[in-house]
Amino acid sequence: MSSPQESSTPFHWHDAEFDDSNFQIRGRTLFFMVILFSIILSVTFMFLYARRIFRFGPPPPVTTSPVHSAHPPPPPPQGLDPITINNLPTVLCKGNSSESECCICLGIFLDGDTVKVLPQCDHRFHLECVDNWLMTQSSCPLCRACLRVDSLV
């Protein structure tokens, strides 16, 4: 058995065994530590960005206000109402017409075709062609003359 003196002696640290003055990080160890740190940093930033996106939505697009821009964006095109389109004059086409084809469909006007004449420019088009155009646009398809009554005033 052991004597009581041996069990009562305190544990003595040997500082020489834990001397870290010769501790060095070289070569592969340094490389892998830098890679590991970069991966942890990248994953952290991706996590924070994903959290922001899911919490607040995507960041708003950068736009310039019309006050600062030289030319404000044009308003969205709007067509004519069906009543105005139906009130445009139509004529019966004859073979000696100066305009012999519809510039929308490039079809030739035949004798007896009913064509629509635009009042501002006197350009002529097939009824179906120009009616479809005027549903979305308020100008002549050929010369872009405005056909809106309220813009003429």
N, C-alpha and C. Protein backbone atom coordinates (compact mmCIF):
# COMPACT_ATOMS: atom_id res chain seq x y z
N MET A 1 0.82 -1.17 0.00
CA MET A 1 0.00 0.00 0.00
C MET A 1 0.86 1.23 0.00
N SER A 2 0.25 2.27 -0.30
CA SER A 2 0.99 3.51 -0.34
C SER A 2 0.93 4.21 1.00
N SER A 3 1.91 4.94 1.25
CA SER A 3 1.96 5.66 2.50
C SER A 3 1.10 6.91 2.43
N PRO A 4 0.64 7.44 3.59
CA PRO A 4 -0.19 8.63 3.58
C PRO A 4 0.52 9.85 3.06
N GLN A 5 1.83 9.87 3.10
CA GLN A 5 2.55 11.03 2.61
C GLN A 5 2.47 11.13 1.09
N GLU A 6 2.49 10.03 0.40
CA GLU A 6 2.46 10.05 -1.05
C GLU A 6 1.12 10.55 -1.57
N SER A 7 0.05 10.21 -0.91
CA SER A 7 -1.25 10.62 -1.37
C SER A 7 -1.56 12.07 -1.03
N SER A 8 -0.85 12.60 -0.04
CA SER A 8 -1.14 13.97 0.34
C SER A 8 -0.27 14.98 -0.38
N THR A 9 0.68 14.57 -1.18
CA THR A 9 1.52 15.53 -1.89
C THR A 9 0.75 16.12 -3.05
N PRO A 10 0.83 17.44 -3.22
CA PRO A 10 0.11 18.07 -4.33
C PRO A 10 0.74 17.72 -5.68
N PHE A 11 -0.07 17.84 -6.69
CA PHE A 11 0.39 17.57 -8.05
C PHE A 11 1.19 18.76 -8.54
N HIS A 12 2.36 18.56 -9.04
CA HIS A 12 3.22 19.64 -9.51
C HIS A 12 3.20 19.67 -11.03
N TRP A 13 2.94 20.84 -11.55
CA TRP A 13 2.98 21.04 -12.99
C TRP A 13 4.41 21.23 -13.43
N HIS A 14 4.69 20.71 -14.56
CA HIS A 14 6.01 20.92 -15.14
C HIS A 14 5.82 21.88 -16.30
N ASP A 15 6.13 23.14 -16.06
CA ASP A 15 5.93 24.18 -17.09
C ASP A 15 6.76 23.94 -18.32
N ALA A 16 7.82 23.27 -18.21
CA ALA A 16 8.69 23.03 -19.36
C ALA A 16 7.99 22.14 -20.39
N GLU A 17 7.12 21.27 -19.94
CA GLU A 17 6.43 20.38 -20.88
C GLU A 17 5.43 21.15 -21.74
N PHE A 18 4.87 22.26 -21.25
CA PHE A 18 3.85 23.00 -21.97
C PHE A 18 4.38 24.31 -22.53
N ASP A 19 5.63 24.40 -22.80
CA ASP A 19 6.22 25.60 -23.36
C ASP A 19 5.84 25.67 -24.84
N ASP A 20 5.13 26.77 -25.24
CA ASP A 20 4.68 26.91 -26.63
C ASP A 20 5.49 27.93 -27.40
N SER A 21 6.66 28.21 -26.96
CA SER A 21 7.50 29.18 -27.67
C SER A 21 7.98 28.62 -29.01
N ASN A 22 7.97 27.34 -29.17
CA ASN A 22 8.38 26.73 -30.43
C ASN A 22 7.19 26.36 -31.32
N PHE A 23 6.01 26.82 -30.97
CA PHE A 23 4.80 26.48 -31.74
C PHE A 23 4.83 27.24 -33.07
N GLN A 24 4.72 26.53 -34.19
CA GLN A 24 4.74 27.14 -35.51
C GLN A 24 3.72 26.46 -36.40
N ILE A 25 3.11 27.28 -37.24
CA ILE A 25 2.15 26.75 -38.22
C ILE A 25 2.78 26.99 -39.58
N ARG A 26 3.00 25.91 -40.31
CA ARG A 26 3.65 26.03 -41.60
C ARG A 26 2.93 25.17 -42.64
N GLY A 27 3.25 25.48 -43.88
CA GLY A 27 2.87 24.64 -45.01
C GLY A 27 1.40 24.33 -45.13
N ARG A 28 1.08 23.04 -45.20
CA ARG A 28 -0.29 22.59 -45.41
C ARG A 28 -1.21 23.01 -44.28
N THR A 29 -0.73 23.01 -43.09
CA THR A 29 -1.58 23.37 -41.96
C THR A 29 -2.09 24.80 -42.10
N LEU A 30 -1.21 25.71 -42.47
CA LEU A 30 -1.62 27.10 -42.68
C LEU A 30 -2.61 27.21 -43.84
N PHE A 31 -2.32 26.50 -44.92
CA PHE A 31 -3.21 26.52 -46.08
C PHE A 31 -4.61 26.02 -45.72
N PHE A 32 -4.71 24.92 -45.01
CA PHE A 32 -6.01 24.38 -44.64
C PHE A 32 -6.74 25.26 -43.63
N MET A 33 -5.99 25.91 -42.76
CA MET A 33 -6.64 26.84 -41.82
C MET A 33 -7.24 28.04 -42.55
N VAL A 34 -6.53 28.57 -43.55
CA VAL A 34 -7.05 29.69 -44.34
C VAL A 34 -8.28 29.25 -45.13
N ILE A 35 -8.24 28.08 -45.73
CA ILE A 35 -9.40 27.56 -46.48
C ILE A 35 -10.59 27.36 -45.56
N LEU A 36 -10.37 26.77 -44.40
CA LEU A 36 -11.46 26.55 -43.45
C LEU A 36 -12.07 27.87 -42.99
N PHE A 37 -11.24 28.84 -42.70
CA PHE A 37 -11.74 30.16 -42.30
C PHE A 37 -12.56 30.80 -43.42
N SER A 38 -12.09 30.70 -44.68
CA SER A 38 -12.81 31.26 -45.82
C SER A 38 -14.17 30.59 -46.00
N ILE A 39 -14.22 29.29 -45.85
CA ILE A 39 -15.49 28.57 -46.00
C ILE A 39 -16.46 28.98 -44.91
N ILE A 40 -16.00 29.07 -43.69
CA ILE A 40 -16.88 29.47 -42.58
C ILE A 40 -17.40 30.89 -42.81
N LEU A 41 -16.54 31.80 -43.26
CA LEU A 41 -16.94 33.17 -43.52
C LEU A 41 -17.96 33.24 -44.67
N SER A 42 -17.73 32.49 -45.75
CA SER A 42 -18.66 32.48 -46.88
C SER A 42 -20.02 31.93 -46.49
N VAL A 43 -20.05 30.84 -45.76
CA VAL A 43 -21.31 30.25 -45.33
C VAL A 43 -22.06 31.20 -44.41
N THR A 44 -21.36 31.91 -43.56
CA THR A 44 -22.00 32.88 -42.67
C THR A 44 -22.66 34.01 -43.46
N PHE A 45 -21.93 34.56 -44.44
CA PHE A 45 -22.52 35.64 -45.25
C PHE A 45 -23.70 35.14 -46.08
N MET A 46 -23.61 33.94 -46.62
CA MET A 46 -24.74 33.41 -47.40
C MET A 46 -25.95 33.18 -46.50
N PHE A 47 -25.73 32.71 -45.28
CA PHE A 47 -26.82 32.52 -44.34
C PHE A 47 -27.48 33.86 -44.00
N LEU A 48 -26.68 34.88 -43.73
CA LEU A 48 -27.24 36.19 -43.38
C LEU A 48 -28.00 36.80 -44.57
N TYR A 49 -27.47 36.63 -45.79
CA TYR A 49 -28.16 37.16 -46.97
C TYR A 49 -29.48 36.42 -47.21
N ALA A 50 -29.47 35.10 -47.08
CA ALA A 50 -30.71 34.32 -47.27
C ALA A 50 -31.73 34.70 -46.20
N ARG A 51 -31.29 34.91 -45.00
CA ARG A 51 -32.20 35.31 -43.93
C ARG A 51 -32.84 36.67 -44.22
N ARG A 52 -32.05 37.60 -44.76
CA ARG A 52 -32.58 38.91 -45.11
C ARG A 52 -33.59 38.82 -46.26
N ILE A 53 -33.27 38.01 -47.26
CA ILE A 53 -34.18 37.85 -48.41
C ILE A 53 -35.50 37.25 -47.96
N PHE A 54 -35.48 36.21 -47.15
CA PHE A 54 -36.72 35.56 -46.73
C PHE A 54 -37.50 36.39 -45.73
N ARG A 55 -36.84 37.24 -44.98
CA ARG A 55 -37.53 38.05 -44.00
C ARG A 55 -38.12 39.32 -44.62
N PHE A 56 -37.34 40.01 -45.44
CA PHE A 56 -37.76 41.31 -45.97
C PHE A 56 -38.04 41.31 -47.46
N GLY A 57 -37.77 40.26 -48.17
CA GLY A 57 -37.96 40.22 -49.61
C GLY A 57 -36.71 40.72 -50.30
N PRO A 58 -36.68 40.63 -51.64
CA PRO A 58 -35.50 41.07 -52.37
C PRO A 58 -35.32 42.58 -52.25
N PRO A 59 -34.10 43.05 -52.40
CA PRO A 59 -33.89 44.50 -52.32
C PRO A 59 -34.59 45.20 -53.49
N PRO A 60 -35.07 46.41 -53.29
CA PRO A 60 -35.77 47.11 -54.37
C PRO A 60 -34.81 47.45 -55.50
N PRO A 61 -35.32 47.45 -56.75
CA PRO A 61 -34.44 47.79 -57.87
C PRO A 61 -34.03 49.25 -57.80
N VAL A 62 -32.86 49.51 -58.30
CA VAL A 62 -32.35 50.88 -58.32
C VAL A 62 -32.96 51.58 -59.52
N THR A 63 -33.68 52.65 -59.26
CA THR A 63 -34.30 53.41 -60.35
C THR A 63 -33.93 54.87 -60.20
N THR A 64 -33.94 55.54 -61.30
CA THR A 64 -33.71 56.98 -61.26
C THR A 64 -35.06 57.66 -61.34
N SER A 65 -35.20 58.71 -60.60
CA SER A 65 -36.48 59.43 -60.63
C SER A 65 -36.56 60.25 -61.91
N PRO A 66 -37.77 60.49 -62.43
CA PRO A 66 -37.92 61.27 -63.66
C PRO A 66 -37.38 62.69 -63.53
N VAL A 67 -37.30 63.20 -62.32
CA VAL A 67 -36.81 64.56 -62.13
C VAL A 67 -35.34 64.65 -62.52
N HIS A 68 -34.56 63.59 -62.22
CA HIS A 68 -33.13 63.62 -62.48
C HIS A 68 -32.78 63.18 -63.89
N SER A 69 -33.64 62.47 -64.57
CA SER A 69 -33.31 62.00 -65.91
C SER A 69 -33.63 63.07 -66.95
N ALA A 70 -32.89 63.04 -68.04
CA ALA A 70 -33.07 64.04 -69.09
C ALA A 70 -34.40 63.84 -69.82
N HIS A 71 -34.75 62.58 -70.08
CA HIS A 71 -35.99 62.27 -70.78
C HIS A 71 -36.80 61.29 -69.94
N PRO A 72 -37.97 61.68 -69.48
CA PRO A 72 -38.78 60.73 -68.71
C PRO A 72 -39.27 59.62 -69.64
N PRO A 73 -39.53 58.45 -69.08
CA PRO A 73 -40.00 57.34 -69.93
C PRO A 73 -41.37 57.68 -70.54
N PRO A 74 -41.61 57.23 -71.77
CA PRO A 74 -42.89 57.52 -72.40
C PRO A 74 -44.01 56.77 -71.69
N PRO A 75 -45.22 57.33 -71.71
CA PRO A 75 -46.34 56.63 -71.08
C PRO A 75 -46.66 55.36 -71.87
N PRO A 76 -47.26 54.38 -71.22
CA PRO A 76 -47.60 53.15 -71.93
C PRO A 76 -48.61 53.44 -73.04
N PRO A 77 -48.43 52.77 -74.18
CA PRO A 77 -49.36 53.02 -75.29
C PRO A 77 -50.77 52.54 -74.96
N GLN A 78 -51.74 53.33 -75.38
CA GLN A 78 -53.13 52.96 -75.16
C GLN A 78 -53.87 53.12 -76.48
N GLY A 79 -54.74 52.19 -76.72
CA GLY A 79 -55.49 52.22 -77.97
C GLY A 79 -56.73 53.09 -77.87
N LEU A 80 -57.46 53.09 -78.96
CA LEU A 80 -58.72 53.84 -79.02
C LEU A 80 -59.86 52.96 -78.54
N ASP A 81 -60.91 53.60 -78.09
CA ASP A 81 -62.07 52.81 -77.66
C ASP A 81 -62.84 52.32 -78.89
N PRO A 82 -63.60 51.23 -78.77
CA PRO A 82 -64.29 50.63 -79.92
C PRO A 82 -65.26 51.58 -80.62
N ILE A 83 -65.88 52.48 -79.88
CA ILE A 83 -66.83 53.42 -80.51
C ILE A 83 -66.09 54.34 -81.47
N THR A 84 -64.94 54.86 -81.04
CA THR A 84 -64.15 55.74 -81.91
C THR A 84 -63.65 54.98 -83.13
N ILE A 85 -63.23 53.74 -82.94
CA ILE A 85 -62.75 52.94 -84.08
C ILE A 85 -63.87 52.71 -85.09
N ASN A 86 -65.07 52.40 -84.60
CA ASN A 86 -66.21 52.16 -85.51
C ASN A 86 -66.67 53.44 -86.20
N ASN A 87 -66.42 54.61 -85.62
CA ASN A 87 -66.85 55.88 -86.22
C ASN A 87 -65.88 56.40 -87.28
N LEU A 88 -64.73 55.76 -87.45
CA LEU A 88 -63.80 56.19 -88.50
C LEU A 88 -64.42 55.90 -89.87
N PRO A 89 -64.19 56.78 -90.85
CA PRO A 89 -64.84 56.60 -92.17
C PRO A 89 -64.31 55.39 -92.93
N THR A 90 -65.21 54.76 -93.65
CA THR A 90 -64.85 53.64 -94.53
C THR A 90 -65.28 53.99 -95.94
N VAL A 91 -64.54 53.48 -96.90
CA VAL A 91 -64.86 53.72 -98.31
C VAL A 91 -64.77 52.40 -99.07
N LEU A 92 -65.44 52.36 -100.19
CA LEU A 92 -65.38 51.21 -101.07
C LEU A 92 -64.20 51.38 -102.00
N CYS A 93 -63.34 50.41 -102.07
CA CYS A 93 -62.11 50.51 -102.85
C CYS A 93 -62.40 50.28 -104.33
N LYS A 94 -61.75 51.10 -105.17
CA LYS A 94 -61.84 50.95 -106.62
C LYS A 94 -60.45 50.65 -107.15
N GLY A 95 -60.35 50.06 -108.29
CA GLY A 95 -59.08 49.62 -108.86
C GLY A 95 -58.11 50.74 -109.16
N ASN A 96 -58.56 51.97 -109.33
CA ASN A 96 -57.65 53.06 -109.69
C ASN A 96 -57.20 53.87 -108.46
N SER A 97 -57.20 53.27 -107.28
CA SER A 97 -56.80 53.95 -106.05
C SER A 97 -55.29 54.19 -106.05
N SER A 98 -54.87 55.32 -105.48
CA SER A 98 -53.44 55.63 -105.43
C SER A 98 -52.72 54.69 -104.45
N GLU A 99 -53.38 54.30 -103.37
CA GLU A 99 -52.81 53.33 -102.44
C GLU A 99 -53.41 51.97 -102.79
N SER A 100 -52.59 51.04 -103.23
CA SER A 100 -53.12 49.77 -103.71
C SER A 100 -52.91 48.61 -102.75
N GLU A 101 -52.26 48.86 -101.61
CA GLU A 101 -52.07 47.77 -100.65
C GLU A 101 -52.15 48.27 -99.22
N CYS A 102 -52.53 47.36 -98.34
CA CYS A 102 -52.59 47.64 -96.90
C CYS A 102 -51.19 47.45 -96.34
N CYS A 103 -50.66 48.49 -95.70
CA CYS A 103 -49.27 48.38 -95.20
C CYS A 103 -49.17 47.54 -93.94
N ILE A 104 -50.30 47.13 -93.35
CA ILE A 104 -50.24 46.27 -92.17
C ILE A 104 -50.07 44.82 -92.58
N CYS A 105 -50.95 44.33 -93.46
CA CYS A 105 -50.86 42.92 -93.88
C CYS A 105 -50.18 42.75 -95.23
N LEU A 106 -49.89 43.86 -95.91
CA LEU A 106 -49.28 43.88 -97.24
C LEU A 106 -50.15 43.20 -98.29
N GLY A 107 -51.46 43.13 -98.00
CA GLY A 107 -52.40 42.59 -98.98
C GLY A 107 -52.87 43.68 -99.93
N ILE A 108 -53.15 43.30 -101.17
CA ILE A 108 -53.59 44.25 -102.19
C ILE A 108 -55.08 44.52 -102.01
N PHE A 109 -55.47 45.80 -102.19
CA PHE A 109 -56.88 46.16 -102.15
C PHE A 109 -57.52 45.72 -103.47
N LEU A 110 -58.55 44.93 -103.36
CA LEU A 110 -59.28 44.47 -104.55
C LEU A 110 -60.50 45.35 -104.77
N ASP A 111 -61.00 45.33 -105.99
CA ASP A 111 -62.23 46.08 -106.27
C ASP A 111 -63.35 45.58 -105.38
N GLY A 112 -64.04 46.48 -104.73
CA GLY A 112 -65.16 46.13 -103.88
C GLY A 112 -64.78 45.94 -102.42
N ASP A 113 -63.48 45.97 -102.07
CA ASP A 113 -63.07 45.87 -100.67
C ASP A 113 -63.45 47.16 -99.94
N THR A 114 -63.90 46.98 -98.71
CA THR A 114 -64.18 48.13 -97.87
C THR A 114 -62.92 48.42 -97.05
N VAL A 115 -62.44 49.65 -97.16
CA VAL A 115 -61.22 50.03 -96.44
C VAL A 115 -61.54 51.19 -95.50
N LYS A 116 -60.77 51.26 -94.44
CA LYS A 116 -60.95 52.33 -93.46
C LYS A 116 -59.94 53.42 -93.76
N VAL A 117 -60.41 54.68 -93.74
CA VAL A 117 -59.56 55.84 -94.02
C VAL A 117 -59.36 56.59 -92.70
N LEU A 118 -58.11 56.82 -92.35
CA LEU A 118 -57.81 57.57 -91.13
C LEU A 118 -57.90 59.06 -91.43
N PRO A 119 -58.63 59.82 -90.61
CA PRO A 119 -58.95 61.21 -90.94
C PRO A 119 -57.75 62.17 -90.95
N GLN A 120 -56.76 61.99 -90.09
CA GLN A 120 -55.66 62.95 -90.01
C GLN A 120 -54.70 62.85 -91.19
N CYS A 121 -54.53 61.65 -91.74
CA CYS A 121 -53.51 61.46 -92.77
C CYS A 121 -54.05 60.86 -94.07
N ASP A 122 -55.28 60.44 -94.09
CA ASP A 122 -55.92 59.82 -95.26
C ASP A 122 -55.25 58.51 -95.71
N HIS A 123 -54.57 57.82 -94.81
CA HIS A 123 -54.03 56.51 -95.15
C HIS A 123 -55.15 55.48 -95.06
N ARG A 124 -55.08 54.45 -95.91
CA ARG A 124 -56.14 53.46 -96.03
C ARG A 124 -55.62 52.08 -95.64
N PHE A 125 -56.49 51.32 -94.95
CA PHE A 125 -56.13 49.99 -94.48
C PHE A 125 -57.35 49.09 -94.54
N HIS A 126 -57.11 47.75 -94.57
CA HIS A 126 -58.22 46.80 -94.43
C HIS A 126 -58.88 47.04 -93.07
N LEU A 127 -60.20 46.81 -93.01
CA LEU A 127 -60.94 47.03 -91.76
C LEU A 127 -60.37 46.22 -90.60
N GLU A 128 -60.19 44.91 -90.82
CA GLU A 128 -59.73 44.04 -89.74
C GLU A 128 -58.32 44.41 -89.29
N CYS A 129 -57.47 44.73 -90.24
CA CYS A 129 -56.07 45.05 -89.91
C CYS A 129 -55.98 46.30 -89.03
N VAL A 130 -56.61 47.37 -89.47
CA VAL A 130 -56.47 48.63 -88.74
C VAL A 130 -57.27 48.60 -87.44
N ASP A 131 -58.37 47.86 -87.39
CA ASP A 131 -59.13 47.76 -86.13
C ASP A 131 -58.30 47.05 -85.06
N ASN A 132 -57.60 45.98 -85.43
CA ASN A 132 -56.73 45.30 -84.46
C ASN A 132 -55.60 46.22 -84.00
N TRP A 133 -55.05 46.99 -84.92
CA TRP A 133 -53.98 47.93 -84.58
C TRP A 133 -54.48 49.01 -83.61
N LEU A 134 -55.63 49.58 -83.91
CA LEU A 134 -56.14 50.69 -83.12
C LEU A 134 -56.64 50.28 -81.74
N MET A 135 -56.84 48.98 -81.52
CA MET A 135 -57.20 48.52 -80.18
C MET A 135 -56.05 48.72 -79.19
N THR A 136 -54.82 48.66 -79.70
CA THR A 136 -53.65 48.79 -78.82
C THR A 136 -52.88 50.08 -79.05
N GLN A 137 -53.03 50.73 -80.19
CA GLN A 137 -52.30 51.95 -80.51
C GLN A 137 -53.29 53.05 -80.90
N SER A 138 -52.92 54.29 -80.66
CA SER A 138 -53.80 55.40 -81.00
C SER A 138 -53.20 56.25 -82.10
N SER A 139 -52.41 55.63 -82.97
CA SER A 139 -51.77 56.37 -84.05
C SER A 139 -51.87 55.59 -85.35
N CYS A 140 -51.60 56.28 -86.44
CA CYS A 140 -51.61 55.65 -87.75
C CYS A 140 -50.44 54.68 -87.83
N PRO A 141 -50.64 53.46 -88.32
CA PRO A 141 -49.54 52.50 -88.41
C PRO A 141 -48.46 52.91 -89.41
N LEU A 142 -48.78 53.77 -90.34
CA LEU A 142 -47.83 54.15 -91.37
C LEU A 142 -47.04 55.41 -91.00
N CYS A 143 -47.72 56.48 -90.63
CA CYS A 143 -47.02 57.75 -90.37
C CYS A 143 -47.02 58.15 -88.89
N ARG A 144 -47.69 57.38 -88.04
CA ARG A 144 -47.77 57.62 -86.59
C ARG A 144 -48.50 58.91 -86.23
N ALA A 145 -49.36 59.39 -87.08
CA ALA A 145 -50.18 60.55 -86.75
C ALA A 145 -51.15 60.16 -85.64
N CYS A 146 -51.30 61.04 -84.66
CA CYS A 146 -52.15 60.76 -83.51
C CYS A 146 -53.62 60.82 -83.91
N LEU A 147 -54.39 59.84 -83.45
CA LEU A 147 -55.81 59.78 -83.79
C LEU A 147 -56.70 60.06 -82.59
N ARG A 148 -56.13 60.34 -81.44
CA ARG A 148 -56.93 60.63 -80.24
C ARG A 148 -57.59 61.98 -80.38
N VAL A 149 -58.88 62.01 -80.07
CA VAL A 149 -59.64 63.25 -80.15
C VAL A 149 -59.25 64.18 -79.00
N ASP A 150 -59.05 63.62 -77.78
CA ASP A 150 -58.73 64.45 -76.63
C ASP A 150 -57.33 65.04 -76.72
N SER A 151 -56.40 64.44 -77.49
CA SER A 151 -55.06 65.01 -77.62
C SER A 151 -55.00 66.09 -78.67
N LEU A 152 -56.03 66.19 -79.52
CA LEU A 152 -56.05 67.21 -80.54
C LEU A 152 -56.52 68.55 -80.00
N VAL A 153 -57.20 68.55 -78.88
CA VAL A 153 -57.75 69.79 -78.33
C VAL A 153 -56.68 70.59 -77.65
